[in-house]
Amino acid sequence: MLVDVLHTLQGVRRIRRITVISADFTVRRIVRLMRVHFLWEGKRRGLNKGVRLAMRDAKRRNFSAALILPSDIPLITPREVMRFLRFSDGYSVAVAPSKDGSGTNALFLRPPGAINPAFGRNSFRKHLSSAHRKGVSVRVVRSVGIASDVDEPADVESLKRVLLRNETGRFLRTMDGTTSVKGPTKSKFN
């Protein structure tokens, strides 16, 4: 799924730099093959601390804004990212909820760090509340592809019913009909 999200972002002209934050050096190898920047978050840092690290890096590089996306949204398209960014224009914060409405699957911040990341349980509500408390402009942007994350086995089953022409789709077609993975699959990134 990470590869699919990165391919999508590489297809968006408005994005100047893509950085993946992870503590996993296997991820580093994959993103380097894709000519994407890697930021090592350290051991057991956690998602919110990793995002704050990336926001500090973005500020240091004088970026005016940052878009934070998870790697588990394989249905996302460049068109949806462009739409999200277009709808974010003029706002300090833009948030796209997950399919159940409780999580955050896209967070736009102008400037980077406009609010502190609060990913995890009820993050959508937390991000909106944080923006309101700070008095910054905020917009909610809904998008089917951005909302469609993979959190549970039922999500994998739903994806199996969609004809995906990407790395996730190729992987799912190698599965034997169960939702458990028996071992690694071969792709150009293994």
N, C-alpha and C. Protein backbone atom coordinates (compact mmCIF):
# COMPACT_ATOMS: atom_id res chain seq x y z
N MET A 1 0.81 -1.19 0.00
CA MET A 1 0.00 0.00 0.00
C MET A 1 0.86 1.25 0.00
N LEU A 2 1.96 1.21 0.73
CA LEU A 2 2.85 2.37 0.77
C LEU A 2 3.30 2.75 -0.64
N VAL A 3 3.68 1.76 -1.43
CA VAL A 3 4.14 2.01 -2.79
C VAL A 3 3.04 2.70 -3.59
N ASP A 4 1.81 2.26 -3.43
CA ASP A 4 0.69 2.86 -4.17
C ASP A 4 0.47 4.31 -3.76
N VAL A 5 0.54 4.60 -2.49
CA VAL A 5 0.37 5.97 -2.02
C VAL A 5 1.51 6.84 -2.56
N LEU A 6 2.72 6.33 -2.56
CA LEU A 6 3.85 7.10 -3.07
C LEU A 6 3.73 7.35 -4.58
N HIS A 7 3.31 6.33 -5.34
CA HIS A 7 3.08 6.53 -6.78
C HIS A 7 2.04 7.62 -7.00
N THR A 8 0.99 7.60 -6.20
CA THR A 8 -0.05 8.62 -6.32
C THR A 8 0.53 10.01 -6.08
N LEU A 9 1.28 10.16 -5.00
CA LEU A 9 1.85 11.47 -4.67
C LEU A 9 2.85 11.93 -5.73
N GLN A 10 3.58 10.99 -6.31
CA GLN A 10 4.53 11.36 -7.37
C GLN A 10 3.80 11.88 -8.61
N GLY A 11 2.53 11.56 -8.73
CA GLY A 11 1.72 12.03 -9.86
C GLY A 11 1.05 13.37 -9.63
N VAL A 12 1.35 14.02 -8.50
CA VAL A 12 0.74 15.31 -8.17
C VAL A 12 1.81 16.39 -8.32
N ARG A 13 1.69 17.22 -9.35
CA ARG A 13 2.71 18.24 -9.64
C ARG A 13 2.88 19.25 -8.52
N ARG A 14 1.82 19.49 -7.78
CA ARG A 14 1.86 20.53 -6.75
C ARG A 14 2.72 20.13 -5.54
N ILE A 15 3.02 18.86 -5.42
CA ILE A 15 3.83 18.37 -4.29
C ILE A 15 5.29 18.45 -4.67
N ARG A 16 6.04 19.23 -3.89
CA ARG A 16 7.46 19.46 -4.19
C ARG A 16 8.38 18.39 -3.63
N ARG A 17 8.03 17.84 -2.49
CA ARG A 17 8.91 16.85 -1.85
C ARG A 17 8.04 15.84 -1.11
N ILE A 18 8.40 14.58 -1.22
CA ILE A 18 7.71 13.52 -0.50
C ILE A 18 8.70 12.94 0.48
N THR A 19 8.28 12.86 1.74
CA THR A 19 9.12 12.28 2.79
C THR A 19 8.32 11.21 3.52
N VAL A 20 8.93 10.07 3.71
CA VAL A 20 8.32 8.99 4.49
C VAL A 20 9.03 8.94 5.83
N ILE A 21 8.24 8.93 6.90
CA ILE A 21 8.77 8.83 8.25
C ILE A 21 8.55 7.41 8.74
N SER A 22 9.61 6.76 9.20
CA SER A 22 9.46 5.39 9.69
C SER A 22 10.66 5.01 10.54
N ALA A 23 10.46 4.02 11.39
CA ALA A 23 11.55 3.44 12.15
C ALA A 23 12.04 2.15 11.49
N ASP A 24 11.43 1.78 10.37
CA ASP A 24 11.70 0.52 9.68
C ASP A 24 12.66 0.76 8.52
N PHE A 25 13.84 0.15 8.59
CA PHE A 25 14.83 0.36 7.54
C PHE A 25 14.47 -0.37 6.25
N THR A 26 13.57 -1.35 6.30
CA THR A 26 13.07 -1.96 5.07
C THR A 26 12.28 -0.91 4.28
N VAL A 27 11.53 -0.10 4.99
CA VAL A 27 10.78 0.99 4.36
C VAL A 27 11.77 1.95 3.70
N ARG A 28 12.85 2.24 4.37
CA ARG A 28 13.86 3.14 3.80
C ARG A 28 14.35 2.63 2.46
N ARG A 29 14.60 1.35 2.38
CA ARG A 29 15.08 0.76 1.12
C ARG A 29 14.05 0.93 0.01
N ILE A 30 12.79 0.69 0.32
CA ILE A 30 11.71 0.81 -0.66
C ILE A 30 11.59 2.25 -1.15
N VAL A 31 11.56 3.20 -0.22
CA VAL A 31 11.34 4.59 -0.63
C VAL A 31 12.54 5.14 -1.40
N ARG A 32 13.72 4.68 -1.08
CA ARG A 32 14.89 5.14 -1.83
C ARG A 32 14.86 4.63 -3.26
N LEU A 33 14.37 3.40 -3.45
CA LEU A 33 14.21 2.88 -4.82
C LEU A 33 13.24 3.75 -5.62
N MET A 34 12.31 4.37 -4.92
CA MET A 34 11.31 5.22 -5.57
C MET A 34 11.74 6.68 -5.62
N ARG A 35 12.97 6.96 -5.18
CA ARG A 35 13.51 8.33 -5.16
C ARG A 35 12.67 9.25 -4.27
N VAL A 36 12.30 8.73 -3.13
CA VAL A 36 11.54 9.48 -2.12
C VAL A 36 12.44 9.65 -0.91
N HIS A 37 12.30 10.76 -0.21
CA HIS A 37 13.12 11.04 0.97
C HIS A 37 12.63 10.21 2.15
N PHE A 38 13.57 9.82 2.97
CA PHE A 38 13.27 9.00 4.15
C PHE A 38 13.76 9.75 5.38
N LEU A 39 12.92 9.77 6.40
CA LEU A 39 13.27 10.39 7.68
C LEU A 39 13.12 9.31 8.75
N TRP A 40 14.24 8.92 9.34
CA TRP A 40 14.20 7.88 10.38
C TRP A 40 13.68 8.51 11.66
N GLU A 41 12.62 7.93 12.20
CA GLU A 41 12.00 8.50 13.40
C GLU A 41 12.63 8.02 14.68
N GLY A 42 13.54 7.07 14.61
CA GLY A 42 14.15 6.54 15.82
C GLY A 42 13.35 5.34 16.32
N LYS A 43 13.87 4.71 17.32
CA LYS A 43 13.23 3.52 17.86
C LYS A 43 12.02 3.89 18.70
N ARG A 44 10.91 3.23 18.43
CA ARG A 44 9.68 3.36 19.22
C ARG A 44 9.25 4.80 19.49
N ARG A 45 9.36 5.62 18.50
CA ARG A 45 8.97 7.02 18.67
C ARG A 45 7.45 7.16 18.65
N GLY A 46 6.77 6.51 17.72
CA GLY A 46 5.32 6.62 17.61
C GLY A 46 4.90 7.60 16.53
N LEU A 47 3.69 7.44 16.04
CA LEU A 47 3.21 8.22 14.91
C LEU A 47 3.22 9.72 15.17
N ASN A 48 2.62 10.18 16.25
CA ASN A 48 2.54 11.62 16.49
C ASN A 48 3.92 12.26 16.69
N LYS A 49 4.80 11.57 17.39
CA LYS A 49 6.16 12.10 17.56
C LYS A 49 6.89 12.11 16.22
N GLY A 50 6.66 11.07 15.41
CA GLY A 50 7.27 11.04 14.08
C GLY A 50 6.78 12.17 13.19
N VAL A 51 5.49 12.46 13.26
CA VAL A 51 4.94 13.56 12.46
C VAL A 51 5.49 14.90 12.95
N ARG A 52 5.61 15.07 14.26
CA ARG A 52 6.20 16.32 14.77
C ARG A 52 7.65 16.47 14.29
N LEU A 53 8.39 15.37 14.25
CA LEU A 53 9.75 15.39 13.73
C LEU A 53 9.75 15.85 12.27
N ALA A 54 8.82 15.31 11.50
CA ALA A 54 8.72 15.70 10.09
C ALA A 54 8.32 17.17 9.94
N MET A 55 7.47 17.68 10.82
CA MET A 55 7.08 19.09 10.76
C MET A 55 8.27 20.00 11.07
N ARG A 56 9.10 19.60 12.02
CA ARG A 56 10.32 20.37 12.31
C ARG A 56 11.24 20.38 11.09
N ASP A 57 11.34 19.23 10.43
CA ASP A 57 12.16 19.13 9.22
C ASP A 57 11.60 20.03 8.12
N ALA A 58 10.29 20.04 7.96
CA ALA A 58 9.65 20.89 6.93
C ALA A 58 9.87 22.37 7.23
N LYS A 59 9.77 22.76 8.49
CA LYS A 59 10.03 24.16 8.86
C LYS A 59 11.48 24.53 8.58
N ARG A 60 12.40 23.63 8.92
CA ARG A 60 13.83 23.87 8.68
C ARG A 60 14.11 24.07 7.20
N ARG A 61 13.34 23.42 6.36
CA ARG A 61 13.51 23.53 4.91
C ARG A 61 12.69 24.68 4.32
N ASN A 62 12.05 25.45 5.20
CA ASN A 62 11.23 26.61 4.79
C ASN A 62 10.05 26.25 3.90
N PHE A 63 9.46 25.07 4.13
CA PHE A 63 8.24 24.72 3.40
C PHE A 63 7.08 25.50 3.97
N SER A 64 6.19 25.94 3.12
CA SER A 64 5.06 26.76 3.57
C SER A 64 3.91 25.89 4.08
N ALA A 65 3.87 24.63 3.69
CA ALA A 65 2.76 23.75 4.09
C ALA A 65 3.23 22.30 4.09
N ALA A 66 2.41 21.46 4.70
CA ALA A 66 2.69 20.02 4.74
C ALA A 66 1.39 19.25 4.63
N LEU A 67 1.44 18.13 3.95
CA LEU A 67 0.31 17.22 3.82
C LEU A 67 0.72 15.89 4.43
N ILE A 68 -0.04 15.43 5.42
CA ILE A 68 0.27 14.18 6.09
C ILE A 68 -0.77 13.15 5.69
N LEU A 69 -0.28 12.02 5.15
CA LEU A 69 -1.15 10.93 4.72
C LEU A 69 -0.64 9.62 5.30
N PRO A 70 -1.53 8.69 5.62
CA PRO A 70 -1.08 7.37 6.06
C PRO A 70 -0.72 6.52 4.84
N SER A 71 -0.09 5.40 5.08
CA SER A 71 0.30 4.53 3.97
C SER A 71 -0.74 3.46 3.67
N ASP A 72 -1.87 3.46 4.38
CA ASP A 72 -2.86 2.38 4.20
C ASP A 72 -4.12 2.85 3.47
N ILE A 73 -3.94 3.70 2.44
CA ILE A 73 -5.08 4.18 1.65
C ILE A 73 -4.83 3.91 0.17
N PRO A 74 -4.87 2.63 -0.25
CA PRO A 74 -4.47 2.25 -1.61
C PRO A 74 -5.43 2.70 -2.71
N LEU A 75 -6.60 3.22 -2.36
CA LEU A 75 -7.54 3.67 -3.39
C LEU A 75 -7.34 5.15 -3.76
N ILE A 76 -6.45 5.83 -3.09
CA ILE A 76 -6.22 7.25 -3.34
C ILE A 76 -5.69 7.46 -4.77
N THR A 77 -6.12 8.57 -5.38
CA THR A 77 -5.68 8.90 -6.73
C THR A 77 -5.06 10.30 -6.75
N PRO A 78 -4.22 10.59 -7.75
CA PRO A 78 -3.69 11.95 -7.86
C PRO A 78 -4.80 13.00 -7.95
N ARG A 79 -5.87 12.66 -8.62
CA ARG A 79 -7.00 13.60 -8.76
C ARG A 79 -7.60 13.95 -7.39
N GLU A 80 -7.73 12.94 -6.52
CA GLU A 80 -8.26 13.21 -5.18
C GLU A 80 -7.31 14.06 -4.35
N VAL A 81 -6.02 13.81 -4.49
CA VAL A 81 -5.04 14.61 -3.76
C VAL A 81 -5.11 16.06 -4.25
N MET A 82 -5.18 16.25 -5.56
CA MET A 82 -5.28 17.62 -6.11
C MET A 82 -6.56 18.29 -5.61
N ARG A 83 -7.67 17.57 -5.59
CA ARG A 83 -8.93 18.12 -5.09
C ARG A 83 -8.79 18.52 -3.62
N PHE A 84 -8.19 17.64 -2.82
CA PHE A 84 -7.98 17.93 -1.41
C PHE A 84 -7.13 19.20 -1.25
N LEU A 85 -6.05 19.30 -1.99
CA LEU A 85 -5.18 20.47 -1.90
C LEU A 85 -5.90 21.74 -2.37
N ARG A 86 -6.68 21.62 -3.43
CA ARG A 86 -7.43 22.77 -3.93
C ARG A 86 -8.42 23.26 -2.87
N PHE A 87 -9.12 22.33 -2.23
CA PHE A 87 -10.08 22.69 -1.18
C PHE A 87 -9.39 23.19 0.09
N SER A 88 -8.09 22.89 0.23
CA SER A 88 -7.33 23.36 1.39
C SER A 88 -6.83 24.78 1.22
N ASP A 89 -6.82 25.27 -0.02
CA ASP A 89 -6.33 26.63 -0.28
C ASP A 89 -7.06 27.63 0.58
N GLY A 90 -6.30 28.53 1.20
CA GLY A 90 -6.88 29.57 2.03
C GLY A 90 -7.14 29.16 3.47
N TYR A 91 -6.82 27.93 3.82
CA TYR A 91 -7.03 27.43 5.19
C TYR A 91 -5.70 27.06 5.82
N SER A 92 -5.63 27.20 7.13
CA SER A 92 -4.43 26.77 7.86
C SER A 92 -4.42 25.27 8.06
N VAL A 93 -5.62 24.69 8.22
CA VAL A 93 -5.75 23.26 8.48
C VAL A 93 -6.87 22.71 7.61
N ALA A 94 -6.63 21.57 7.00
CA ALA A 94 -7.69 20.82 6.30
C ALA A 94 -7.57 19.38 6.76
N VAL A 95 -8.73 18.77 6.99
CA VAL A 95 -8.77 17.41 7.53
C VAL A 95 -9.73 16.57 6.69
N ALA A 96 -9.28 15.37 6.31
CA ALA A 96 -10.15 14.40 5.65
C ALA A 96 -10.35 13.23 6.60
N PRO A 97 -11.61 12.92 6.91
CA PRO A 97 -11.86 11.83 7.85
C PRO A 97 -11.70 10.45 7.22
N SER A 98 -11.52 9.46 8.08
CA SER A 98 -11.53 8.06 7.65
C SER A 98 -12.96 7.65 7.36
N LYS A 99 -13.14 6.46 6.82
CA LYS A 99 -14.48 6.02 6.41
C LYS A 99 -15.46 5.94 7.57
N ASP A 100 -14.99 5.67 8.77
CA ASP A 100 -15.91 5.61 9.92
C ASP A 100 -16.12 6.98 10.56
N GLY A 101 -15.41 7.98 10.05
CA GLY A 101 -15.59 9.34 10.53
C GLY A 101 -14.85 9.68 11.82
N SER A 102 -14.16 8.73 12.39
CA SER A 102 -13.48 9.02 13.66
C SER A 102 -12.00 9.31 13.49
N GLY A 103 -11.39 8.74 12.46
CA GLY A 103 -9.96 8.92 12.24
C GLY A 103 -9.66 10.02 11.24
N THR A 104 -8.38 10.34 11.10
CA THR A 104 -7.91 11.34 10.15
C THR A 104 -7.06 10.63 9.10
N ASN A 105 -7.45 10.74 7.83
CA ASN A 105 -6.68 10.11 6.77
C ASN A 105 -5.91 11.10 5.91
N ALA A 106 -6.14 12.38 6.10
CA ALA A 106 -5.32 13.42 5.46
C ALA A 106 -5.37 14.64 6.37
N LEU A 107 -4.20 15.21 6.59
CA LEU A 107 -4.09 16.41 7.41
C LEU A 107 -3.17 17.38 6.69
N PHE A 108 -3.73 18.54 6.33
CA PHE A 108 -2.98 19.60 5.67
C PHE A 108 -2.71 20.69 6.69
N LEU A 109 -1.46 21.13 6.77
CA LEU A 109 -1.08 22.16 7.74
C LEU A 109 -0.32 23.28 7.06
N ARG A 110 -0.81 24.50 7.21
CA ARG A 110 -0.13 25.69 6.69
C ARG A 110 -0.06 26.70 7.80
N PRO A 111 1.13 26.93 8.37
CA PRO A 111 2.44 26.34 8.09
C PRO A 111 2.54 24.94 8.70
N PRO A 112 3.62 24.21 8.35
CA PRO A 112 3.83 22.91 9.00
C PRO A 112 3.82 23.10 10.52
N GLY A 113 3.09 22.27 11.20
CA GLY A 113 2.99 22.39 12.65
C GLY A 113 1.94 23.39 13.11
N ALA A 114 1.04 23.82 12.21
CA ALA A 114 -0.01 24.78 12.58
C ALA A 114 -0.79 24.29 13.80
N ILE A 115 -0.98 22.97 13.87
CA ILE A 115 -1.53 22.33 15.07
C ILE A 115 -0.69 21.09 15.33
N ASN A 116 -0.75 20.60 16.55
CA ASN A 116 -0.02 19.37 16.87
C ASN A 116 -0.80 18.17 16.34
N PRO A 117 -0.10 17.18 15.79
CA PRO A 117 -0.78 15.98 15.33
C PRO A 117 -1.38 15.21 16.51
N ALA A 118 -2.54 14.65 16.29
CA ALA A 118 -3.23 13.87 17.34
C ALA A 118 -3.78 12.59 16.73
N PHE A 119 -2.96 11.91 15.94
CA PHE A 119 -3.42 10.68 15.30
C PHE A 119 -3.67 9.61 16.34
N GLY A 120 -4.58 8.72 16.02
CA GLY A 120 -5.00 7.68 16.94
C GLY A 120 -6.51 7.74 17.11
N ARG A 121 -7.00 7.21 18.19
CA ARG A 121 -8.44 7.15 18.45
C ARG A 121 -9.06 8.56 18.42
N ASN A 122 -10.14 8.69 17.66
CA ASN A 122 -10.90 9.96 17.55
C ASN A 122 -10.05 11.13 17.06
N SER A 123 -9.08 10.86 16.21
CA SER A 123 -8.18 11.93 15.76
C SER A 123 -8.89 13.00 14.93
N PHE A 124 -9.92 12.63 14.19
CA PHE A 124 -10.63 13.62 13.39
C PHE A 124 -11.18 14.73 14.29
N ARG A 125 -11.90 14.34 15.31
CA ARG A 125 -12.45 15.31 16.27
C ARG A 125 -11.34 16.08 16.97
N LYS A 126 -10.27 15.40 17.35
CA LYS A 126 -9.16 16.05 18.04
C LYS A 126 -8.48 17.10 17.16
N HIS A 127 -8.28 16.79 15.87
CA HIS A 127 -7.66 17.76 14.97
C HIS A 127 -8.55 18.98 14.78
N LEU A 128 -9.85 18.77 14.62
CA LEU A 128 -10.76 19.91 14.48
C LEU A 128 -10.77 20.75 15.74
N SER A 129 -10.83 20.11 16.90
CA SER A 129 -10.83 20.84 18.18
C SER A 129 -9.54 21.63 18.36
N SER A 130 -8.42 21.05 18.00
CA SER A 130 -7.13 21.72 18.13
C SER A 130 -7.09 22.97 17.26
N ALA A 131 -7.59 22.87 16.04
CA ALA A 131 -7.62 24.04 15.14
C ALA A 131 -8.50 25.13 15.71
N HIS A 132 -9.66 24.76 16.24
CA HIS A 132 -10.58 25.75 16.83
C HIS A 132 -9.94 26.41 18.06
N ARG A 133 -9.30 25.61 18.90
CA ARG A 133 -8.64 26.17 20.10
C ARG A 133 -7.54 27.16 19.73
N LYS A 134 -6.79 26.84 18.67
CA LYS A 134 -5.70 27.72 18.25
C LYS A 134 -6.22 28.93 17.46
N GLY A 135 -7.48 28.88 17.07
CA GLY A 135 -8.05 30.00 16.32
C GLY A 135 -7.60 30.07 14.88
N VAL A 136 -7.24 28.92 14.30
CA VAL A 136 -6.82 28.90 12.89
C VAL A 136 -7.96 28.40 12.02
N SER A 137 -7.96 28.81 10.77
CA SER A 137 -9.02 28.40 9.85
C SER A 137 -8.89 26.92 9.55
N VAL A 138 -10.03 26.24 9.48
CA VAL A 138 -10.03 24.79 9.27
C VAL A 138 -11.14 24.41 8.31
N ARG A 139 -10.87 23.42 7.47
CA ARG A 139 -11.86 22.93 6.53
C ARG A 139 -11.85 21.41 6.54
N VAL A 140 -13.05 20.84 6.46
CA VAL A 140 -13.20 19.39 6.33
C VAL A 140 -13.38 19.08 4.85
N VAL A 141 -12.60 18.13 4.35
CA VAL A 141 -12.68 17.71 2.96
C VAL A 141 -12.93 16.21 2.94
N ARG A 142 -14.04 15.81 2.36
CA ARG A 142 -14.38 14.37 2.30
C ARG A 142 -13.99 13.80 0.94
N SER A 143 -13.43 12.61 0.96
CA SER A 143 -12.95 11.95 -0.26
C SER A 143 -13.01 10.44 -0.05
N VAL A 144 -13.64 9.75 -0.98
CA VAL A 144 -13.80 8.29 -0.85
C VAL A 144 -12.45 7.58 -0.84
N GLY A 145 -11.57 7.92 -1.77
CA GLY A 145 -10.26 7.26 -1.84
C GLY A 145 -9.40 7.53 -0.63
N ILE A 146 -9.44 8.76 -0.13
CA ILE A 146 -8.66 9.10 1.06
C ILE A 146 -9.28 8.43 2.29
N ALA A 147 -10.59 8.35 2.34
CA ALA A 147 -11.28 7.76 3.50
C ALA A 147 -11.09 6.25 3.59
N SER A 148 -10.83 5.60 2.48
CA SER A 148 -10.81 4.13 2.43
C SER A 148 -9.48 3.57 2.92
N ASP A 149 -9.32 3.53 4.23
CA ASP A 149 -8.11 2.97 4.82
C ASP A 149 -8.30 1.48 5.12
N VAL A 150 -7.20 0.82 5.41
CA VAL A 150 -7.22 -0.61 5.68
C VAL A 150 -6.78 -0.80 7.12
N ASP A 151 -7.77 -0.99 8.00
CA ASP A 151 -7.50 -1.14 9.42
C ASP A 151 -7.84 -2.52 9.96
N GLU A 152 -8.74 -3.22 9.29
CA GLU A 152 -9.26 -4.50 9.80
C GLU A 152 -9.34 -5.52 8.68
N PRO A 153 -9.44 -6.81 9.02
CA PRO A 153 -9.58 -7.84 7.99
C PRO A 153 -10.74 -7.58 7.02
N ALA A 154 -11.83 -7.02 7.50
CA ALA A 154 -12.97 -6.73 6.62
C ALA A 154 -12.58 -5.72 5.54
N ASP A 155 -11.65 -4.82 5.86
CA ASP A 155 -11.19 -3.84 4.88
C ASP A 155 -10.41 -4.53 3.76
N VAL A 156 -9.64 -5.55 4.11
CA VAL A 156 -8.90 -6.32 3.11
C VAL A 156 -9.89 -7.06 2.22
N GLU A 157 -10.92 -7.64 2.82
CA GLU A 157 -11.95 -8.34 2.04
C GLU A 157 -12.63 -7.39 1.07
N SER A 158 -12.91 -6.19 1.51
CA SER A 158 -13.53 -5.19 0.62
C SER A 158 -12.60 -4.85 -0.54
N LEU A 159 -11.32 -4.71 -0.25
CA LEU A 159 -10.35 -4.40 -1.31
C LEU A 159 -10.26 -5.53 -2.33
N LYS A 160 -10.41 -6.76 -1.89
CA LYS A 160 -10.33 -7.91 -2.80
C LYS A 160 -11.42 -7.84 -3.87
N ARG A 161 -12.52 -7.16 -3.57
CA ARG A 161 -13.63 -7.06 -4.51
C ARG A 161 -13.46 -5.91 -5.52
N VAL A 162 -12.42 -5.12 -5.33
CA VAL A 162 -12.15 -4.00 -6.22
C VAL A 162 -11.00 -4.41 -7.14
N LEU A 163 -11.14 -4.12 -8.42
CA LEU A 163 -10.07 -4.45 -9.35
C LEU A 163 -9.01 -3.35 -9.26
N LEU A 164 -8.02 -3.57 -8.42
CA LEU A 164 -6.95 -2.60 -8.24
C LEU A 164 -5.83 -2.92 -9.21
N ARG A 165 -5.40 -1.93 -9.94
CA ARG A 165 -4.28 -2.10 -10.88
C ARG A 165 -3.05 -1.44 -10.29
N ASN A 166 -2.66 -1.91 -9.10
CA ASN A 166 -1.51 -1.35 -8.42
C ASN A 166 -0.83 -2.45 -7.61
N GLU A 167 0.18 -2.09 -6.83
CA GLU A 167 0.91 -3.09 -6.03
C GLU A 167 -0.01 -3.80 -5.04
N THR A 168 -0.91 -3.07 -4.42
CA THR A 168 -1.85 -3.68 -3.47
C THR A 168 -2.71 -4.71 -4.19
N GLY A 169 -3.22 -4.38 -5.35
CA GLY A 169 -4.04 -5.31 -6.12
C GLY A 169 -3.26 -6.55 -6.51
N ARG A 170 -2.01 -6.36 -6.95
CA ARG A 170 -1.18 -7.53 -7.30
C ARG A 170 -0.95 -8.42 -6.08
N PHE A 171 -0.70 -7.80 -4.94
CA PHE A 171 -0.50 -8.58 -3.71
C PHE A 171 -1.77 -9.34 -3.34
N LEU A 172 -2.90 -8.67 -3.38
CA LEU A 172 -4.15 -9.32 -2.99
C LEU A 172 -4.48 -10.50 -3.91
N ARG A 173 -4.12 -10.40 -5.19
CA ARG A 173 -4.38 -11.52 -6.11
C ARG A 173 -3.50 -12.72 -5.81
N THR A 174 -2.41 -12.54 -5.05
CA THR A 174 -1.55 -13.67 -4.70
C THR A 174 -2.05 -14.39 -3.45
N MET A 175 -3.00 -13.76 -2.74
CA MET A 175 -3.50 -14.38 -1.51
C MET A 175 -4.37 -15.57 -1.85
N ASP A 176 -4.43 -16.54 -0.97
CA ASP A 176 -5.12 -17.79 -1.24
C ASP A 176 -6.60 -17.77 -0.85
N GLY A 177 -7.19 -16.62 -0.74
CA GLY A 177 -8.60 -16.56 -0.39
C GLY A 177 -8.84 -16.29 1.09
N THR A 178 -7.78 -16.21 1.87
CA THR A 178 -7.93 -15.88 3.29
C THR A 178 -7.46 -14.46 3.51
N THR A 179 -7.72 -13.94 4.69
CA THR A 179 -7.27 -12.58 4.99
C THR A 179 -5.93 -12.59 5.72
N SER A 180 -5.36 -13.77 5.94
CA SER A 180 -4.06 -13.80 6.61
C SER A 180 -2.97 -14.00 5.57
N VAL A 181 -1.86 -13.38 5.78
CA VAL A 181 -0.74 -13.47 4.86
C VAL A 181 0.15 -14.61 5.32
N LYS A 182 0.46 -15.53 4.40
CA LYS A 182 1.27 -16.69 4.76
C LYS A 182 2.75 -16.42 4.64
N GLY A 183 3.14 -15.41 3.94
CA GLY A 183 4.55 -15.09 3.76
C GLY A 183 4.70 -13.93 2.82
N PRO A 184 5.93 -13.49 2.62
CA PRO A 184 6.13 -12.33 1.75
C PRO A 184 5.80 -12.66 0.29
N THR A 185 5.34 -11.67 -0.40
CA THR A 185 5.08 -11.82 -1.83
C THR A 185 6.18 -11.12 -2.60
N LYS A 186 6.43 -11.54 -3.79
CA LYS A 186 7.49 -10.93 -4.60
C LYS A 186 6.90 -9.74 -5.36
N SER A 187 7.62 -8.67 -5.36
CA SER A 187 7.32 -7.52 -6.21
C SER A 187 8.65 -6.88 -6.54
N LYS A 188 8.62 -5.88 -7.37
CA LYS A 188 9.87 -5.23 -7.74
C LYS A 188 10.52 -4.53 -6.57
N PHE A 189 9.80 -4.43 -5.42
CA PHE A 189 10.33 -3.73 -4.26
C PHE A 189 10.83 -4.68 -3.18
N ASN A 190 10.74 -6.01 -3.38
CA ASN A 190 11.24 -6.96 -2.38
C ASN A 190 12.69 -7.28 -2.64
